[in-house]
Amino acid sequence: MAKKEDEEEMTDRSGEDEPGARESSADATAGAPEPRAARFGEGREGRPARRERGVEGSRAGFFARTQQFIHDVRVELRRVTWPRAVEVRNTTIITVIAVVFFAVYLWLIDHGFTLLISLLQRLVSSVF
């Protein structure tokens, strides 16, 4: 029995060789689905992607962080593939047509139910 416990301890210590070592997708079993993205809190090459709460150390000031944020926004906006005016016009026309169609459809359904309920009220009131 002691031998079985020793074997279990050895299998439980598989990640204890390196401090802070994590199981990678290569260590996962064959039946488990592959991860779609990095684990939460990991950026490129497994480094932390953001500051964790309670971590001590220097932190950039408010204005430096604001400037960095604005810079990052401008960089992202340069990467955007903006639609051409023709595409915007075409999708706007399609949207307006769809809105008008569904407005008329719902108006007809509403009036149909209103007519049906009023007829039922008349029928019920004439019987009782």
C-alpha atoms as a PDB file:
ATOM      1  CA  MET A   1       0.000   0.000   0.000  1.00  0.00           C
ATOM      2  CA  ALA A   2       2.870   2.361   0.753  1.00  0.00           C
ATOM      3  CA  LYS A   3       4.249   1.706  -2.703  1.00  0.00           C
ATOM      4  CA  LYS A   4       0.956   2.795  -4.304  1.00  0.00           C
ATOM      5  CA  GLU A   5       0.953   6.062  -2.286  1.00  0.00           C
ATOM      6  CA  ASP A   6       4.553   6.750  -3.366  1.00  0.00           C
ATOM      7  CA  GLU A   7       3.546   6.310  -7.012  1.00  0.00           C
ATOM      8  CA  GLU A   8       0.606   8.700  -6.574  1.00  0.00           C
ATOM      9  CA  GLU A   9       2.884  11.304  -5.001  1.00  0.00           C
ATOM     10  CA  MET A  10       5.279  11.038  -7.930  1.00  0.00           C
ATOM     11  CA  THR A  11       2.481  11.535 -10.434  1.00  0.00           C
ATOM     12  CA  ASP A  12       1.125  14.520  -8.459  1.00  0.00           C
ATOM     13  CA  ARG A  13       4.524  16.238  -8.525  1.00  0.00           C
ATOM     14  CA  SER A  14       4.837  16.332 -12.307  1.00  0.00           C
ATOM     15  CA  GLY A  15       4.639  20.141 -12.442  1.00  0.00           C
ATOM     16  CA  GLU A  16       6.772  20.779  -9.359  1.00  0.00           C
ATOM     17  CA  ASP A  17      10.134  20.530 -11.159  1.00  0.00           C
ATOM     18  CA  GLU A  18      10.135  24.188 -12.124  1.00  0.00           C
ATOM     19  CA  PRO A  19       8.694  26.864  -9.847  1.00  0.00           C
ATOM     20  CA  GLY A  20       5.746  28.568 -11.494  1.00  0.00           C
ATOM     21  CA  ALA A  21       5.632  25.980 -14.278  1.00  0.00           C
ATOM     22  CA  ARG A  22       2.274  25.568 -15.967  1.00  0.00           C
ATOM     23  CA  GLU A  23       0.853  22.773 -18.002  1.00  0.00           C
ATOM     24  CA  SER A  24       1.168  23.637 -21.675  1.00  0.00           C
ATOM     25  CA  SER A  25      -1.135  22.543 -24.467  1.00  0.00           C
ATOM     26  CA  ALA A  26       1.520  19.985 -25.440  1.00  0.00           C
ATOM     27  CA  ASP A  27       1.139  18.350 -21.990  1.00  0.00           C
ATOM     28  CA  ALA A  28      -2.636  18.013 -22.357  1.00  0.00           C
ATOM     29  CA  THR A  29      -4.190  14.641 -22.998  1.00  0.00           C
ATOM     30  CA  ALA A  30      -5.062  13.670 -26.543  1.00  0.00           C
ATOM     31  CA  GLY A  31      -8.807  13.606 -25.814  1.00  0.00           C
ATOM     32  CA  ALA A  32      -8.922  17.151 -24.410  1.00  0.00           C
ATOM     33  CA  PRO A  33      -9.783  19.982 -26.797  1.00  0.00           C
ATOM     34  CA  GLU A  34      -6.938  22.286 -27.717  1.00  0.00           C
ATOM     35  CA  PRO A  35      -7.045  25.774 -26.184  1.00  0.00           C
ATOM     36  CA  ARG A  36      -8.216  28.459 -28.594  1.00  0.00           C
ATOM     37  CA  ALA A  37      -6.095  31.209 -27.069  1.00  0.00           C
ATOM     38  CA  ALA A  38      -3.571  31.844 -24.337  1.00  0.00           C
ATOM     39  CA  ARG A  39      -4.670  31.309 -20.782  1.00  0.00           C
ATOM     40  CA  PHE A  40      -6.132  34.281 -18.921  1.00  0.00           C
ATOM     41  CA  GLY A  41      -3.419  36.726 -17.939  1.00  0.00           C
ATOM     42  CA  GLU A  42      -0.839  35.501 -20.428  1.00  0.00           C
ATOM     43  CA  GLY A  43       0.480  37.477 -23.349  1.00  0.00           C
ATOM     44  CA  ARG A  44       3.158  36.569 -25.860  1.00  0.00           C
ATOM     45  CA  GLU A  45       5.535  33.805 -24.804  1.00  0.00           C
ATOM     46  CA  GLY A  46       3.573  33.256 -21.583  1.00  0.00           C
ATOM     47  CA  ARG A  47       4.510  36.571 -19.980  1.00  0.00           C
ATOM     48  CA  PRO A  48       1.802  38.390 -18.015  1.00  0.00           C
ATOM     49  CA  ALA A  49      -0.367  40.480 -20.316  1.00  0.00           C
ATOM     50  CA  ARG A  50      -1.490  42.873 -17.598  1.00  0.00           C
ATOM     51  CA  ARG A  51      -0.653  43.847 -14.072  1.00  0.00           C
ATOM     52  CA  GLU A  52      -2.123  41.607 -11.438  1.00  0.00           C
ATOM     53  CA  ARG A  53      -3.795  43.122  -8.407  1.00  0.00           C
ATOM     54  CA  GLY A  54      -1.543  43.569  -5.433  1.00  0.00           C
ATOM     55  CA  VAL A  55       1.670  43.512  -7.480  1.00  0.00           C
ATOM     56  CA  GLU A  56       4.221  45.969  -6.163  1.00  0.00           C
ATOM     57  CA  GLY A  57       6.517  47.941  -8.408  1.00  0.00           C
ATOM     58  CA  SER A  58       6.751  51.072 -10.476  1.00  0.00           C
ATOM     59  CA  ARG A  59       3.737  52.032 -12.504  1.00  0.00           C
ATOM     60  CA  ALA A  60       3.489  54.722 -15.132  1.00  0.00           C
ATOM     61  CA  GLY A  61       1.712  57.914 -14.116  1.00  0.00           C
ATOM     62  CA  PHE A  62      -1.795  58.921 -15.153  1.00  0.00           C
ATOM     63  CA  PHE A  63      -0.696  61.153 -18.029  1.00  0.00           C
ATOM     64  CA  ALA A  64       1.786  58.603 -19.380  1.00  0.00           C
ATOM     65  CA  ARG A  65      -0.883  55.884 -19.311  1.00  0.00           C
ATOM     66  CA  THR A  66      -3.404  58.217 -20.972  1.00  0.00           C
ATOM     67  CA  GLN A  67      -0.898  59.117 -23.678  1.00  0.00           C
ATOM     68  CA  GLN A  68      -0.138  55.430 -24.248  1.00  0.00           C
ATOM     69  CA  PHE A  69      -3.862  54.648 -24.476  1.00  0.00           C
ATOM     70  CA  ILE A  70      -4.438  57.377 -27.071  1.00  0.00           C
ATOM     71  CA  HIS A  71      -1.423  56.164 -29.036  1.00  0.00           C
ATOM     72  CA  ASP A  72      -2.744  52.576 -28.982  1.00  0.00           C
ATOM     73  CA  VAL A  73      -6.186  53.742 -30.135  1.00  0.00           C
ATOM     74  CA  ARG A  74      -4.674  55.634 -33.066  1.00  0.00           C
ATOM     75  CA  VAL A  75      -2.585  52.609 -34.049  1.00  0.00           C
ATOM     76  CA  GLU A  76      -5.682  50.367 -33.978  1.00  0.00           C
ATOM     77  CA  LEU A  77      -7.699  52.864 -36.024  1.00  0.00           C
ATOM     78  CA  ARG A  78      -5.005  52.815 -38.707  1.00  0.00           C
ATOM     79  CA  ARG A  79      -5.425  49.036 -38.972  1.00  0.00           C
ATOM     80  CA  VAL A  80      -9.174  49.262 -39.569  1.00  0.00           C
ATOM     81  CA  THR A  81     -10.408  48.530 -43.070  1.00  0.00           C
ATOM     82  CA  TRP A  82     -12.873  51.360 -43.530  1.00  0.00           C
ATOM     83  CA  PRO A  83     -15.797  50.741 -45.910  1.00  0.00           C
ATOM     84  CA  ARG A  84     -16.085  52.749 -49.094  1.00  0.00           C
ATOM     85  CA  ALA A  85     -18.940  55.224 -49.511  1.00  0.00           C
ATOM     86  CA  VAL A  86     -20.692  52.917 -51.985  1.00  0.00           C
ATOM     87  CA  GLU A  87     -20.674  50.058 -49.453  1.00  0.00           C
ATOM     88  CA  VAL A  88     -22.047  52.315 -46.714  1.00  0.00           C
ATOM     89  CA  ARG A  89     -24.803  53.572 -49.026  1.00  0.00           C
ATOM     90  CA  ASN A  90     -25.781  50.057 -50.112  1.00  0.00           C
ATOM     91  CA  THR A  91     -25.961  48.676 -46.581  1.00  0.00           C
ATOM     92  CA  THR A  92     -27.922  51.736 -45.445  1.00  0.00           C
ATOM     93  CA  ILE A  93     -30.478  51.218 -48.226  1.00  0.00           C
ATOM     94  CA  ILE A  94     -30.808  47.529 -47.324  1.00  0.00           C
ATOM     95  CA  THR A  95     -31.289  48.418 -43.655  1.00  0.00           C
ATOM     96  CA  VAL A  96     -33.972  51.025 -44.401  1.00  0.00           C
ATOM     97  CA  ILE A  97     -35.848  48.606 -46.672  1.00  0.00           C
ATOM     98  CA  ALA A  98     -35.724  45.881 -43.987  1.00  0.00           C
ATOM     99  CA  VAL A  99     -36.970  48.288 -41.298  1.00  0.00           C
ATOM    100  CA  VAL A 100     -39.876  49.469 -43.489  1.00  0.00           C
ATOM    101  CA  PHE A 101     -40.790  45.876 -44.397  1.00  0.00           C
ATOM    102  CA  PHE A 102     -40.873  44.697 -40.776  1.00  0.00           C
ATOM    103  CA  ALA A 103     -42.719  47.836 -39.636  1.00  0.00           C
ATOM    104  CA  VAL A 104     -45.488  47.190 -42.192  1.00  0.00           C
ATOM    105  CA  TYR A 105     -45.534  43.480 -41.306  1.00  0.00           C
ATOM    106  CA  LEU A 106     -45.869  44.131 -37.578  1.00  0.00           C
ATOM    107  CA  TRP A 107     -48.496  46.843 -38.197  1.00  0.00           C
ATOM    108  CA  LEU A 108     -50.578  44.355 -40.205  1.00  0.00           C
ATOM    109  CA  ILE A 109     -50.213  41.666 -37.526  1.00  0.00           C
ATOM    110  CA  ASP A 110     -51.150  44.173 -34.810  1.00  0.00           C
ATOM    111  CA  HIS A 111     -54.256  45.320 -36.650  1.00  0.00           C
ATOM    112  CA  GLY A 112     -55.221  41.724 -37.429  1.00  0.00           C
ATOM    113  CA  PHE A 113     -55.071  40.778 -33.756  1.00  0.00           C
ATOM    114  CA  THR A 114     -56.944  43.967 -32.816  1.00  0.00           C
ATOM    115  CA  LEU A 115     -59.727  43.052 -35.252  1.00  0.00           C
ATOM    116  CA  LEU A 116     -59.803  39.455 -33.980  1.00  0.00           C
ATOM    117  CA  ILE A 117     -60.031  40.507 -30.326  1.00  0.00           C
ATOM    118  CA  SER A 118     -62.748  43.080 -31.007  1.00  0.00           C
ATOM    119  CA  LEU A 119     -64.791  40.448 -32.881  1.00  0.00           C
ATOM    120  CA  LEU A 120     -64.375  38.011 -29.976  1.00  0.00           C
ATOM    121  CA  GLN A 121     -65.496  40.704 -27.521  1.00  0.00           C
ATOM    122  CA  ARG A 122     -68.616  41.382 -29.571  1.00  0.00           C
ATOM    123  CA  LEU A 123     -69.344  37.661 -29.806  1.00  0.00           C
ATOM    124  CA  VAL A 124     -68.898  37.109 -26.069  1.00  0.00           C
ATOM    125  CA  SER A 125     -70.972  40.175 -25.140  1.00  0.00           C
ATOM    126  CA  SER A 126     -73.845  39.124 -27.457  1.00  0.00           C
ATOM    127  CA  VAL A 127     -73.924  35.576 -26.005  1.00  0.00           C
ATOM    128  CA  PHE A 128     -73.847  36.662 -22.337  1.00  0.00           C
END
